[in-house]
């Protein structure tokens, strides 16, 4: 990253709620975040650019936003983004602790009632708001369908590959066998998540997996 003429950009969209961007921004040339990830309006973003670094603008014209993006300022969006970022910065430590507790309760609740379930990432390496497990004996697509009927939102992949149904090449590279990776499940938590919702998600997921495993045995 420190090679001559190398520019390091970091997509920090997922980090804002969980890490102090002041520390991250010191290590990179350009950093970008999206407001909707920390409670701000959709369509708004922030770019942090190292002093002295020149980047050609994608939109030219009036020279707004320091010649980086021309066009009329979205003042309401800017103010809302700033307010959301300020609130996130103020409550981050408490929210990380609260959501981490809920996330671990979700995973523990599922694993205490179902066998052959593996945690994908060590707990001290996880983002607080993401629970990822792999369940043997059922396929992600079937689990998601039945969870959707129970009004539980989940995914079998990252948000940017939400339609993917093949075993994840990332899980394969991490050493997760196909028996488990075919049942990969990703669940997200946030500032609105409650203990009651965690209990309901555990109950729904355990019931879904048991149903699918029974059906598989009968078949």
N, C-alpha and C. Protein backbone atom coordinates (compact mmCIF):
# COMPACT_ATOMS: atom_id res chain seq x y z
N UNK A 1 0.82 -1.20 0.00
CA UNK A 1 0.00 0.00 0.00
C UNK A 1 0.86 1.26 0.00
N UNK A 2 2.07 1.14 0.48
CA UNK A 2 2.95 2.30 0.53
C UNK A 2 3.88 2.40 -0.67
N UNK A 3 3.64 1.58 -1.69
CA UNK A 3 4.46 1.63 -2.89
C UNK A 3 4.25 2.95 -3.61
N UNK A 4 5.27 3.42 -4.32
CA UNK A 4 5.11 4.69 -5.07
C UNK A 4 3.92 4.63 -6.03
N UNK A 5 3.13 5.68 -6.03
CA UNK A 5 1.99 5.83 -6.93
C UNK A 5 0.82 4.89 -6.61
N UNK A 6 0.93 4.11 -5.54
CA UNK A 6 -0.19 3.24 -5.15
C UNK A 6 -1.18 4.04 -4.31
N UNK A 7 -2.46 3.92 -4.63
CA UNK A 7 -3.51 4.60 -3.87
C UNK A 7 -4.40 3.53 -3.24
N UNK A 8 -4.54 3.58 -1.93
CA UNK A 8 -5.32 2.58 -1.20
C UNK A 8 -6.69 3.14 -0.85
N UNK A 9 -7.71 2.56 -1.45
CA UNK A 9 -9.09 2.92 -1.11
C UNK A 9 -9.70 1.84 -0.23
N UNK A 10 -10.41 2.24 0.80
CA UNK A 10 -11.08 1.30 1.69
C UNK A 10 -12.58 1.52 1.67
N UNK A 11 -13.31 0.46 1.35
CA UNK A 11 -14.77 0.46 1.44
C UNK A 11 -15.13 0.20 2.89
N UNK A 12 -15.46 1.26 3.62
CA UNK A 12 -15.75 1.16 5.05
C UNK A 12 -17.25 1.21 5.33
N UNK A 13 -18.05 0.87 4.33
CA UNK A 13 -19.51 0.98 4.45
C UNK A 13 -20.03 0.21 5.66
N UNK A 14 -19.50 -0.98 5.91
CA UNK A 14 -20.01 -1.81 7.00
C UNK A 14 -19.39 -1.45 8.35
N UNK A 15 -18.35 -0.62 8.34
CA UNK A 15 -17.57 -0.40 9.56
C UNK A 15 -18.11 0.71 10.45
N UNK A 16 -18.88 1.62 9.90
CA UNK A 16 -19.20 2.86 10.61
C UNK A 16 -19.84 2.64 11.97
N UNK A 17 -20.76 1.69 12.06
CA UNK A 17 -21.45 1.44 13.33
C UNK A 17 -20.59 0.71 14.34
N UNK A 18 -19.53 0.06 13.87
CA UNK A 18 -18.80 -0.86 14.75
C UNK A 18 -17.37 -0.44 15.05
N UNK A 19 -16.80 0.48 14.28
CA UNK A 19 -15.42 0.90 14.49
C UNK A 19 -15.31 2.42 14.36
N UNK A 20 -14.30 2.97 15.04
CA UNK A 20 -14.05 4.41 14.97
C UNK A 20 -13.32 4.71 13.66
N UNK A 21 -13.97 5.43 12.77
CA UNK A 21 -13.39 5.72 11.46
C UNK A 21 -12.17 6.64 11.55
N UNK A 22 -12.01 7.31 12.66
CA UNK A 22 -10.83 8.17 12.81
C UNK A 22 -9.55 7.33 12.76
N UNK A 23 -9.62 6.14 13.32
CA UNK A 23 -8.45 5.26 13.32
C UNK A 23 -8.21 4.67 11.94
N UNK A 24 -9.29 4.26 11.27
CA UNK A 24 -9.15 3.64 9.95
C UNK A 24 -8.63 4.63 8.93
N UNK A 25 -9.15 5.86 8.98
CA UNK A 25 -8.81 6.85 7.95
C UNK A 25 -7.33 7.23 7.96
N UNK A 26 -6.66 7.02 9.08
CA UNK A 26 -5.23 7.34 9.15
C UNK A 26 -4.39 6.38 8.31
N UNK A 27 -4.94 5.22 8.01
CA UNK A 27 -4.16 4.15 7.38
C UNK A 27 -4.37 4.05 5.87
N UNK A 28 -5.29 4.85 5.32
CA UNK A 28 -5.63 4.71 3.91
C UNK A 28 -5.58 6.06 3.20
N UNK A 29 -5.63 6.01 1.87
CA UNK A 29 -5.64 7.24 1.08
C UNK A 29 -7.06 7.77 0.89
N UNK A 30 -7.98 6.86 0.64
CA UNK A 30 -9.39 7.24 0.42
C UNK A 30 -10.27 6.25 1.17
N UNK A 31 -11.30 6.77 1.80
CA UNK A 31 -12.24 5.94 2.55
C UNK A 31 -13.65 6.38 2.22
N UNK A 32 -14.55 5.43 2.00
CA UNK A 32 -15.93 5.79 1.67
C UNK A 32 -16.92 5.03 2.54
N UNK A 33 -18.02 5.71 2.89
CA UNK A 33 -19.09 5.10 3.68
C UNK A 33 -20.43 5.51 3.09
N UNK A 34 -21.47 4.76 3.42
CA UNK A 34 -22.83 5.05 2.97
C UNK A 34 -23.71 5.35 4.17
N UNK A 35 -24.49 6.43 4.07
CA UNK A 35 -25.26 6.90 5.21
C UNK A 35 -26.31 5.90 5.69
N UNK A 36 -26.92 5.16 4.76
CA UNK A 36 -28.01 4.26 5.17
C UNK A 36 -27.53 3.15 6.09
N UNK A 37 -26.22 2.90 6.13
CA UNK A 37 -25.68 1.86 7.00
C UNK A 37 -25.63 2.30 8.46
N UNK A 38 -25.71 3.60 8.72
CA UNK A 38 -25.69 4.06 10.11
C UNK A 38 -26.90 4.93 10.43
N UNK A 39 -28.01 4.64 9.76
CA UNK A 39 -29.27 5.30 10.10
C UNK A 39 -29.54 6.59 9.35
N UNK A 40 -28.69 6.95 8.41
CA UNK A 40 -28.91 8.14 7.61
C UNK A 40 -29.74 7.84 6.37
N UNK A 41 -29.96 8.83 5.52
CA UNK A 41 -30.80 8.63 4.33
C UNK A 41 -30.09 7.84 3.24
N UNK A 42 -30.86 7.06 2.50
CA UNK A 42 -30.31 6.33 1.36
C UNK A 42 -29.87 7.32 0.28
N UNK A 43 -28.86 6.93 -0.47
CA UNK A 43 -28.37 7.78 -1.55
C UNK A 43 -27.33 8.80 -1.13
N UNK A 44 -27.00 8.82 0.16
CA UNK A 44 -25.98 9.75 0.66
C UNK A 44 -24.72 8.98 1.03
N UNK A 45 -23.57 9.60 0.84
CA UNK A 45 -22.31 8.96 1.19
C UNK A 45 -21.28 9.98 1.62
N UNK A 46 -20.19 9.47 2.15
CA UNK A 46 -19.08 10.32 2.59
C UNK A 46 -17.79 9.75 2.03
N UNK A 47 -16.95 10.63 1.51
CA UNK A 47 -15.61 10.24 1.07
C UNK A 47 -14.58 11.01 1.89
N UNK A 48 -13.66 10.29 2.49
CA UNK A 48 -12.55 10.90 3.22
C UNK A 48 -11.31 10.71 2.36
N UNK A 49 -10.67 11.81 2.00
CA UNK A 49 -9.54 11.77 1.06
C UNK A 49 -8.30 12.39 1.69
N UNK A 50 -7.18 11.70 1.59
CA UNK A 50 -5.92 12.19 2.15
C UNK A 50 -5.53 13.53 1.52
N UNK A 51 -5.08 14.44 2.36
CA UNK A 51 -4.62 15.74 1.86
C UNK A 51 -3.46 15.55 0.90
N UNK A 52 -3.52 16.24 -0.22
CA UNK A 52 -2.47 16.14 -1.21
C UNK A 52 -2.75 15.13 -2.31
N UNK A 53 -3.75 14.29 -2.10
CA UNK A 53 -4.10 13.30 -3.11
C UNK A 53 -5.10 13.91 -4.09
N UNK A 54 -4.81 13.84 -5.36
CA UNK A 54 -5.70 14.39 -6.38
C UNK A 54 -6.40 13.25 -7.12
N UNK A 55 -7.71 13.31 -7.16
CA UNK A 55 -8.52 12.31 -7.86
C UNK A 55 -9.44 13.02 -8.84
N UNK A 56 -9.47 12.57 -10.07
CA UNK A 56 -10.33 13.19 -11.07
C UNK A 56 -11.79 13.00 -10.70
N UNK A 57 -12.61 14.07 -10.79
CA UNK A 57 -14.03 13.93 -10.47
C UNK A 57 -14.78 13.14 -11.53
N UNK A 58 -15.81 12.41 -11.10
CA UNK A 58 -16.66 11.69 -12.04
C UNK A 58 -17.68 12.62 -12.69
N UNK A 59 -18.08 13.66 -11.96
CA UNK A 59 -19.06 14.62 -12.47
C UNK A 59 -18.44 16.01 -12.41
N UNK A 60 -18.36 16.68 -13.55
CA UNK A 60 -17.76 18.01 -13.60
C UNK A 60 -18.85 19.04 -13.93
N UNK A 61 -18.54 20.28 -13.69
CA UNK A 61 -19.51 21.33 -13.99
C UNK A 61 -19.33 22.51 -13.06
N UNK A 62 -20.17 22.59 -12.05
CA UNK A 62 -20.18 23.76 -11.18
C UNK A 62 -19.10 23.78 -10.11
N UNK A 63 -18.42 22.68 -9.91
CA UNK A 63 -17.32 22.66 -8.95
C UNK A 63 -17.75 22.49 -7.50
N UNK A 64 -18.99 22.05 -7.29
CA UNK A 64 -19.43 21.83 -5.92
C UNK A 64 -18.63 20.70 -5.25
N UNK A 65 -18.74 20.65 -3.94
CA UNK A 65 -18.06 19.63 -3.13
C UNK A 65 -16.56 19.59 -3.45
N UNK A 66 -15.99 20.79 -3.42
CA UNK A 66 -14.55 20.98 -3.64
C UNK A 66 -14.07 20.38 -4.96
N UNK A 67 -14.88 20.56 -5.97
CA UNK A 67 -14.57 20.08 -7.33
C UNK A 67 -14.55 18.56 -7.46
N UNK A 68 -15.07 17.88 -6.46
CA UNK A 68 -15.05 16.41 -6.53
C UNK A 68 -16.33 15.86 -7.13
N UNK A 69 -17.45 16.57 -6.94
CA UNK A 69 -18.73 16.11 -7.50
C UNK A 69 -19.62 17.32 -7.74
N UNK A 70 -19.72 17.74 -8.97
CA UNK A 70 -20.52 18.91 -9.28
C UNK A 70 -22.01 18.58 -9.25
N UNK A 71 -22.81 19.58 -8.99
CA UNK A 71 -24.26 19.41 -8.90
C UNK A 71 -24.79 20.08 -7.65
N UNK A 72 -26.07 20.43 -7.66
CA UNK A 72 -26.67 21.12 -6.53
C UNK A 72 -26.56 20.28 -5.26
N UNK A 73 -26.15 20.92 -4.18
CA UNK A 73 -26.01 20.22 -2.91
C UNK A 73 -27.37 19.72 -2.40
N UNK A 74 -27.39 18.52 -1.88
CA UNK A 74 -28.56 17.99 -1.19
C UNK A 74 -28.42 18.36 0.28
N UNK A 75 -28.82 19.57 0.62
CA UNK A 75 -28.57 20.10 1.96
C UNK A 75 -29.26 19.26 3.03
N UNK A 76 -30.52 18.90 2.79
CA UNK A 76 -31.25 18.10 3.78
C UNK A 76 -30.56 16.75 3.99
N UNK A 77 -30.12 16.14 2.88
CA UNK A 77 -29.43 14.86 2.99
C UNK A 77 -28.11 14.98 3.73
N UNK A 78 -27.39 16.06 3.47
CA UNK A 78 -26.10 16.29 4.14
C UNK A 78 -26.30 16.46 5.64
N UNK A 79 -27.29 17.26 6.02
CA UNK A 79 -27.55 17.50 7.44
C UNK A 79 -28.01 16.22 8.14
N UNK A 80 -28.85 15.44 7.46
CA UNK A 80 -29.33 14.19 8.06
C UNK A 80 -28.19 13.19 8.21
N UNK A 81 -27.31 13.15 7.23
CA UNK A 81 -26.15 12.25 7.30
C UNK A 81 -25.24 12.64 8.47
N UNK A 82 -25.00 13.94 8.61
CA UNK A 82 -24.15 14.42 9.71
C UNK A 82 -24.76 14.09 11.06
N UNK A 83 -26.08 14.27 11.17
CA UNK A 83 -26.76 13.97 12.44
C UNK A 83 -26.68 12.48 12.77
N UNK A 84 -26.88 11.64 11.75
CA UNK A 84 -26.82 10.19 11.97
C UNK A 84 -25.42 9.75 12.35
N UNK A 85 -24.41 10.33 11.70
CA UNK A 85 -23.02 9.97 12.01
C UNK A 85 -22.66 10.41 13.42
N UNK A 86 -23.12 11.59 13.81
CA UNK A 86 -22.85 12.09 15.15
C UNK A 86 -23.50 11.18 16.21
N UNK A 87 -24.74 10.78 15.95
CA UNK A 87 -25.43 9.89 16.89
C UNK A 87 -24.73 8.53 16.98
N UNK A 88 -24.30 8.02 15.83
CA UNK A 88 -23.59 6.74 15.81
C UNK A 88 -22.29 6.82 16.59
N UNK A 89 -21.57 7.91 16.41
CA UNK A 89 -20.29 8.08 17.10
C UNK A 89 -20.49 8.16 18.61
N UNK A 90 -21.60 8.76 19.03
CA UNK A 90 -21.87 8.93 20.45
C UNK A 90 -22.27 7.62 21.13
N UNK A 91 -23.01 6.78 20.41
CA UNK A 91 -23.57 5.57 21.02
C UNK A 91 -22.83 4.29 20.62
N UNK A 92 -21.76 4.40 19.84
CA UNK A 92 -21.12 3.22 19.24
C UNK A 92 -20.70 2.18 20.28
N UNK A 93 -19.97 2.57 21.28
CA UNK A 93 -19.44 1.59 22.24
C UNK A 93 -20.56 0.83 22.94
N UNK A 94 -21.58 1.55 23.37
CA UNK A 94 -22.70 0.90 24.05
C UNK A 94 -23.47 -0.01 23.10
N UNK A 95 -23.64 0.43 21.85
CA UNK A 95 -24.38 -0.38 20.88
C UNK A 95 -23.60 -1.63 20.49
N UNK A 96 -22.30 -1.51 20.35
CA UNK A 96 -21.48 -2.69 20.02
C UNK A 96 -21.63 -3.73 21.12
N UNK A 97 -21.57 -3.30 22.37
CA UNK A 97 -21.71 -4.24 23.48
C UNK A 97 -23.10 -4.87 23.50
N UNK A 98 -24.13 -4.05 23.29
CA UNK A 98 -25.51 -4.57 23.32
C UNK A 98 -25.77 -5.54 22.18
N UNK A 99 -25.38 -5.17 20.96
CA UNK A 99 -25.65 -6.01 19.80
C UNK A 99 -24.80 -7.28 19.84
N UNK A 100 -23.58 -7.18 20.33
CA UNK A 100 -22.74 -8.37 20.47
C UNK A 100 -23.39 -9.39 21.39
N UNK A 101 -23.96 -8.91 22.48
CA UNK A 101 -24.66 -9.80 23.41
C UNK A 101 -25.85 -10.48 22.74
N UNK A 102 -26.60 -9.72 21.96
CA UNK A 102 -27.75 -10.29 21.24
C UNK A 102 -27.30 -11.28 20.18
N UNK A 103 -26.25 -10.94 19.45
CA UNK A 103 -25.74 -11.84 18.41
C UNK A 103 -25.29 -13.17 19.00
N UNK A 104 -24.55 -13.11 20.10
CA UNK A 104 -24.08 -14.34 20.73
C UNK A 104 -25.25 -15.15 21.29
N UNK A 105 -26.26 -14.46 21.80
CA UNK A 105 -27.45 -15.16 22.30
C UNK A 105 -28.17 -15.87 21.17
N UNK A 106 -28.20 -15.25 20.00
CA UNK A 106 -28.84 -15.87 18.83
C UNK A 106 -28.10 -17.15 18.43
N UNK A 107 -26.80 -17.05 18.30
CA UNK A 107 -26.00 -18.22 17.88
C UNK A 107 -26.05 -19.31 18.95
N UNK A 108 -25.89 -18.92 20.21
CA UNK A 108 -25.92 -19.91 21.30
C UNK A 108 -27.27 -20.59 21.39
N UNK A 109 -28.33 -19.81 21.19
CA UNK A 109 -29.68 -20.37 21.27
C UNK A 109 -29.93 -21.41 20.20
N UNK A 110 -29.43 -21.16 19.01
CA UNK A 110 -29.58 -22.12 17.91
C UNK A 110 -28.72 -23.35 18.14
N UNK A 111 -27.46 -23.14 18.51
CA UNK A 111 -26.53 -24.26 18.66
C UNK A 111 -26.85 -25.13 19.86
N UNK A 112 -27.52 -24.58 20.86
CA UNK A 112 -27.89 -25.38 22.02
C UNK A 112 -29.05 -26.33 21.73
N UNK A 113 -29.80 -26.05 20.65
CA UNK A 113 -30.96 -26.87 20.32
C UNK A 113 -30.79 -27.71 19.06
N UNK A 114 -29.74 -27.43 18.30
CA UNK A 114 -29.50 -28.17 17.06
C UNK A 114 -28.07 -28.71 17.05
N UNK A 115 -27.92 -29.93 16.55
CA UNK A 115 -26.57 -30.47 16.40
C UNK A 115 -26.05 -30.19 14.99
N UNK A 116 -24.78 -30.42 14.80
CA UNK A 116 -24.13 -30.27 13.49
C UNK A 116 -24.28 -28.87 12.92
N UNK A 117 -24.08 -27.88 13.78
CA UNK A 117 -24.08 -26.47 13.38
C UNK A 117 -22.71 -25.90 13.74
N UNK A 118 -22.09 -25.19 12.82
CA UNK A 118 -20.76 -24.63 13.10
C UNK A 118 -20.79 -23.11 12.97
N UNK A 119 -20.03 -22.46 13.83
CA UNK A 119 -19.82 -21.02 13.71
C UNK A 119 -18.70 -20.78 12.70
N UNK A 120 -18.91 -19.85 11.82
CA UNK A 120 -17.98 -19.64 10.72
C UNK A 120 -16.73 -18.87 11.13
N UNK A 121 -16.92 -17.88 11.99
CA UNK A 121 -15.82 -16.98 12.35
C UNK A 121 -15.67 -16.95 13.87
N UNK A 122 -14.44 -16.96 14.39
CA UNK A 122 -14.24 -16.83 15.84
C UNK A 122 -14.91 -15.57 16.37
N UNK A 123 -15.44 -15.65 17.57
CA UNK A 123 -16.24 -14.54 18.09
C UNK A 123 -15.47 -13.24 18.24
N UNK A 124 -14.19 -13.34 18.53
CA UNK A 124 -13.41 -12.11 18.70
C UNK A 124 -13.01 -11.48 17.37
N UNK A 125 -13.36 -12.13 16.25
CA UNK A 125 -13.03 -11.61 14.92
C UNK A 125 -14.26 -11.10 14.17
N UNK A 126 -15.43 -11.21 14.77
CA UNK A 126 -16.66 -10.89 14.05
C UNK A 126 -17.06 -9.43 14.16
N UNK A 127 -17.78 -8.97 13.17
CA UNK A 127 -18.51 -7.71 13.29
C UNK A 127 -19.69 -7.96 14.22
N UNK A 128 -19.95 -7.03 15.11
CA UNK A 128 -20.97 -7.25 16.13
C UNK A 128 -22.34 -7.56 15.53
N UNK A 129 -22.67 -6.93 14.41
CA UNK A 129 -24.01 -7.05 13.87
C UNK A 129 -24.24 -8.18 12.90
N UNK A 130 -23.29 -9.09 12.75
CA UNK A 130 -23.45 -10.20 11.81
C UNK A 130 -23.29 -11.53 12.53
N UNK A 131 -24.28 -12.40 12.39
CA UNK A 131 -24.19 -13.78 12.87
C UNK A 131 -24.16 -14.69 11.65
N UNK A 132 -23.13 -15.51 11.54
CA UNK A 132 -23.01 -16.41 10.39
C UNK A 132 -22.74 -17.82 10.89
N UNK A 133 -23.62 -18.74 10.52
CA UNK A 133 -23.47 -20.14 10.90
C UNK A 133 -23.69 -21.02 9.68
N UNK A 134 -23.22 -22.25 9.76
CA UNK A 134 -23.43 -23.23 8.70
C UNK A 134 -24.10 -24.45 9.30
N UNK A 135 -25.22 -24.86 8.71
CA UNK A 135 -26.07 -25.90 9.27
C UNK A 135 -26.08 -27.11 8.34
N UNK A 136 -25.65 -28.25 8.84
CA UNK A 136 -25.66 -29.47 8.04
C UNK A 136 -27.07 -30.05 7.99
N UNK A 137 -27.37 -30.77 6.92
CA UNK A 137 -28.64 -31.47 6.83
C UNK A 137 -29.77 -30.68 6.21
N UNK A 138 -29.48 -29.49 5.70
CA UNK A 138 -30.50 -28.70 5.01
C UNK A 138 -29.80 -27.69 4.11
N UNK A 139 -30.52 -27.23 3.10
CA UNK A 139 -29.95 -26.27 2.17
C UNK A 139 -30.44 -24.86 2.48
N UNK A 140 -29.56 -23.91 2.26
CA UNK A 140 -29.86 -22.52 2.60
C UNK A 140 -31.14 -22.02 1.95
N UNK A 141 -31.35 -22.38 0.68
CA UNK A 141 -32.52 -21.88 -0.05
C UNK A 141 -33.81 -22.29 0.65
N UNK A 142 -33.87 -23.54 1.11
CA UNK A 142 -35.08 -24.02 1.79
C UNK A 142 -35.25 -23.34 3.14
N UNK A 143 -34.15 -23.16 3.86
CA UNK A 143 -34.21 -22.48 5.15
C UNK A 143 -34.72 -21.05 4.98
N UNK A 144 -34.20 -20.35 3.98
CA UNK A 144 -34.61 -18.96 3.75
C UNK A 144 -36.08 -18.86 3.38
N UNK A 145 -36.55 -19.80 2.58
CA UNK A 145 -37.96 -19.79 2.16
C UNK A 145 -38.88 -19.92 3.37
N UNK A 146 -38.57 -20.87 4.25
CA UNK A 146 -39.43 -21.10 5.41
C UNK A 146 -39.28 -19.99 6.45
N UNK A 147 -38.08 -19.44 6.58
CA UNK A 147 -37.92 -18.30 7.48
C UNK A 147 -38.70 -17.09 6.99
N UNK A 148 -38.73 -16.90 5.67
CA UNK A 148 -39.48 -15.80 5.09
C UNK A 148 -40.97 -15.94 5.42
N UNK A 149 -41.46 -17.17 5.38
CA UNK A 149 -42.86 -17.40 5.75
C UNK A 149 -43.12 -17.06 7.21
N UNK A 150 -42.08 -17.21 8.03
CA UNK A 150 -42.20 -16.89 9.45
C UNK A 150 -41.85 -15.42 9.73
N UNK A 151 -41.69 -14.63 8.66
CA UNK A 151 -41.38 -13.20 8.76
C UNK A 151 -40.01 -12.94 9.39
N UNK A 152 -39.06 -13.84 9.10
CA UNK A 152 -37.69 -13.66 9.55
C UNK A 152 -36.81 -13.44 8.32
N UNK A 153 -36.11 -12.32 8.27
CA UNK A 153 -35.24 -12.01 7.14
C UNK A 153 -33.83 -12.53 7.40
N UNK A 154 -33.29 -13.24 6.44
CA UNK A 154 -31.92 -13.75 6.53
C UNK A 154 -31.38 -13.88 5.12
N UNK A 155 -30.15 -14.34 5.01
CA UNK A 155 -29.52 -14.50 3.70
C UNK A 155 -28.58 -15.69 3.74
N UNK A 156 -28.27 -16.19 2.54
CA UNK A 156 -27.31 -17.28 2.44
C UNK A 156 -25.94 -16.77 2.05
N UNK A 157 -25.82 -15.47 1.79
CA UNK A 157 -24.55 -14.91 1.32
C UNK A 157 -24.44 -13.49 1.82
N UNK A 158 -23.42 -12.79 1.37
CA UNK A 158 -23.27 -11.39 1.72
C UNK A 158 -24.39 -10.58 1.06
N UNK A 159 -24.62 -9.38 1.56
CA UNK A 159 -25.71 -8.56 1.03
C UNK A 159 -25.54 -8.24 -0.45
N UNK A 160 -24.28 -8.17 -0.90
CA UNK A 160 -24.04 -7.84 -2.31
C UNK A 160 -24.11 -9.08 -3.20
N UNK A 161 -24.41 -10.23 -2.61
CA UNK A 161 -24.61 -11.46 -3.40
C UNK A 161 -25.79 -12.22 -2.85
N UNK A 162 -26.88 -11.48 -2.57
CA UNK A 162 -28.01 -12.04 -1.84
C UNK A 162 -28.74 -13.13 -2.60
N UNK A 163 -28.56 -13.21 -3.91
CA UNK A 163 -29.24 -14.25 -4.68
C UNK A 163 -28.40 -15.49 -4.90
N UNK A 164 -27.19 -15.50 -4.36
CA UNK A 164 -26.29 -16.63 -4.61
C UNK A 164 -26.74 -17.86 -3.85
N UNK A 165 -26.82 -19.00 -4.56
CA UNK A 165 -27.24 -20.24 -3.94
C UNK A 165 -26.18 -21.33 -4.02
N UNK A 166 -25.08 -21.06 -4.69
CA UNK A 166 -23.99 -22.03 -4.75
C UNK A 166 -23.16 -21.94 -3.47
N UNK A 167 -22.47 -23.03 -3.10
CA UNK A 167 -21.60 -22.95 -1.92
C UNK A 167 -20.60 -21.81 -2.08
N UNK A 168 -20.43 -21.04 -1.05
CA UNK A 168 -19.55 -19.87 -1.12
C UNK A 168 -18.10 -20.28 -1.32
N UNK A 169 -17.44 -19.66 -2.30
CA UNK A 169 -16.02 -19.94 -2.50
C UNK A 169 -15.20 -19.45 -1.31
N UNK A 170 -15.73 -18.45 -0.60
CA UNK A 170 -15.04 -17.95 0.59
C UNK A 170 -15.06 -19.01 1.69
N UNK A 171 -16.24 -19.60 1.92
CA UNK A 171 -16.34 -20.65 2.94
C UNK A 171 -15.48 -21.85 2.58
N UNK A 172 -15.46 -22.19 1.30
CA UNK A 172 -14.61 -23.30 0.85
C UNK A 172 -13.15 -23.00 1.14
N UNK A 173 -12.72 -21.77 0.85
CA UNK A 173 -11.34 -21.38 1.11
C UNK A 173 -11.02 -21.37 2.60
N UNK A 174 -12.05 -21.16 3.43
CA UNK A 174 -11.86 -21.16 4.88
C UNK A 174 -11.85 -22.57 5.46
N UNK A 175 -12.09 -23.57 4.61
CA UNK A 175 -12.04 -24.95 5.07
C UNK A 175 -13.37 -25.52 5.51
N UNK A 176 -14.47 -24.81 5.24
CA UNK A 176 -15.80 -25.33 5.60
C UNK A 176 -16.21 -26.36 4.56
N UNK A 177 -16.57 -27.56 5.00
CA UNK A 177 -16.92 -28.62 4.05
C UNK A 177 -18.28 -28.34 3.41
N UNK A 178 -18.54 -29.03 2.30
CA UNK A 178 -19.76 -28.78 1.53
C UNK A 178 -21.01 -29.11 2.34
N UNK A 179 -20.94 -30.13 3.18
CA UNK A 179 -22.09 -30.52 3.99
C UNK A 179 -22.61 -29.34 4.81
N UNK A 180 -21.68 -28.56 5.33
CA UNK A 180 -22.07 -27.41 6.13
C UNK A 180 -22.28 -26.15 5.29
N UNK A 181 -21.42 -25.94 4.29
CA UNK A 181 -21.51 -24.69 3.52
C UNK A 181 -22.80 -24.59 2.72
N UNK A 182 -23.40 -25.73 2.37
CA UNK A 182 -24.69 -25.69 1.67
C UNK A 182 -25.81 -25.17 2.56
N UNK A 183 -25.56 -25.17 3.86
CA UNK A 183 -26.55 -24.65 4.81
C UNK A 183 -26.10 -23.36 5.46
N UNK A 184 -25.32 -22.56 4.73
CA UNK A 184 -24.81 -21.30 5.27
C UNK A 184 -25.95 -20.31 5.50
N UNK A 185 -25.90 -19.61 6.61
CA UNK A 185 -26.95 -18.66 6.95
C UNK A 185 -26.33 -17.42 7.57
N UNK A 186 -26.74 -16.27 7.04
CA UNK A 186 -26.24 -14.98 7.51
C UNK A 186 -27.41 -14.18 8.06
N UNK A 187 -27.29 -13.74 9.32
CA UNK A 187 -28.34 -12.95 9.95
C UNK A 187 -27.74 -11.65 10.46
N UNK A 188 -28.44 -10.55 10.20
CA UNK A 188 -27.93 -9.23 10.58
C UNK A 188 -28.74 -8.65 11.74
N UNK A 189 -28.03 -7.97 12.62
CA UNK A 189 -28.65 -7.29 13.75
C UNK A 189 -28.27 -5.81 13.68
N UNK A 190 -29.08 -4.97 14.33
CA UNK A 190 -28.79 -3.55 14.30
C UNK A 190 -29.36 -2.84 15.51
N UNK A 191 -29.42 -1.51 15.42
CA UNK A 191 -29.82 -0.72 16.59
C UNK A 191 -31.28 -0.90 16.97
N UNK A 192 -32.09 -1.46 16.06
CA UNK A 192 -33.50 -1.69 16.39
C UNK A 192 -33.77 -3.10 16.89
N UNK A 193 -32.78 -3.98 16.85
CA UNK A 193 -32.99 -5.38 17.24
C UNK A 193 -33.22 -5.50 18.74
N UNK A 194 -34.21 -6.32 19.11
CA UNK A 194 -34.56 -6.50 20.52
C UNK A 194 -34.36 -7.95 20.96
N UNK A 195 -34.37 -8.17 22.27
CA UNK A 195 -34.26 -9.53 22.81
C UNK A 195 -35.44 -10.39 22.36
N UNK A 196 -36.61 -9.79 22.30
CA UNK A 196 -37.79 -10.53 21.86
C UNK A 196 -37.65 -11.02 20.43
N UNK A 197 -37.07 -10.20 19.57
CA UNK A 197 -36.86 -10.61 18.18
C UNK A 197 -35.83 -11.74 18.08
N UNK A 198 -34.82 -11.69 18.93
CA UNK A 198 -33.83 -12.78 18.96
C UNK A 198 -34.49 -14.08 19.37
N UNK A 199 -35.31 -14.04 20.40
CA UNK A 199 -36.02 -15.25 20.85
C UNK A 199 -36.91 -15.81 19.74
N UNK A 200 -37.58 -14.91 19.04
CA UNK A 200 -38.47 -15.36 17.96
C UNK A 200 -37.67 -15.96 16.81
N UNK A 201 -36.53 -15.36 16.50
CA UNK A 201 -35.68 -15.88 15.42
C UNK A 201 -35.12 -17.25 15.77
N UNK A 202 -34.71 -17.44 17.01
CA UNK A 202 -34.21 -18.75 17.45
C UNK A 202 -35.29 -19.80 17.29
N UNK A 203 -36.47 -19.50 17.81
CA UNK A 203 -37.58 -20.45 17.74
C UNK A 203 -37.92 -20.81 16.30
N UNK A 204 -37.98 -19.80 15.44
CA UNK A 204 -38.33 -20.04 14.04
C UNK A 204 -37.26 -20.86 13.33
N UNK A 205 -36.00 -20.50 13.53
CA UNK A 205 -34.92 -21.20 12.83
C UNK A 205 -34.80 -22.65 13.29
N UNK A 206 -34.88 -22.87 14.58
CA UNK A 206 -34.81 -24.25 15.10
C UNK A 206 -35.94 -25.09 14.53
N UNK A 207 -37.14 -24.52 14.50
CA UNK A 207 -38.29 -25.25 13.95
C UNK A 207 -38.12 -25.55 12.47
N UNK A 208 -37.60 -24.60 11.72
CA UNK A 208 -37.39 -24.79 10.28
C UNK A 208 -36.38 -25.89 10.01
N UNK A 209 -35.26 -25.85 10.71
CA UNK A 209 -34.21 -26.86 10.48
C UNK A 209 -34.70 -28.25 10.86
N UNK A 210 -35.40 -28.36 11.97
CA UNK A 210 -35.93 -29.67 12.37
C UNK A 210 -36.91 -30.20 11.32
N UNK A 211 -37.75 -29.32 10.80
CA UNK A 211 -38.71 -29.73 9.77
C UNK A 211 -37.99 -30.22 8.52
N UNK A 212 -37.00 -29.48 8.07
CA UNK A 212 -36.27 -29.85 6.85
C UNK A 212 -35.49 -31.15 7.04
N UNK A 213 -34.93 -31.33 8.20
CA UNK A 213 -34.19 -32.57 8.46
C UNK A 213 -35.13 -33.77 8.50
N UNK A 214 -36.30 -33.59 9.09
CA UNK A 214 -37.28 -34.69 9.11
C UNK A 214 -37.70 -35.05 7.70
N UNK A 215 -37.97 -34.03 6.90
CA UNK A 215 -38.39 -34.27 5.51
C UNK A 215 -37.30 -34.97 4.71
N UNK A 216 -36.06 -34.63 5.00
CA UNK A 216 -34.94 -35.25 4.28
C UNK A 216 -34.81 -36.72 4.64
N UNK A 217 -35.04 -37.05 5.89
CA UNK A 217 -34.98 -38.45 6.34
C UNK A 217 -36.09 -39.26 5.69
N UNK A 218 -37.29 -38.68 5.63
CA UNK A 218 -38.44 -39.38 5.03
C UNK A 218 -38.21 -39.63 3.54
N UNK A 219 -37.56 -38.66 2.88
CA UNK A 219 -37.32 -38.80 1.45
C UNK A 219 -36.30 -39.89 1.17
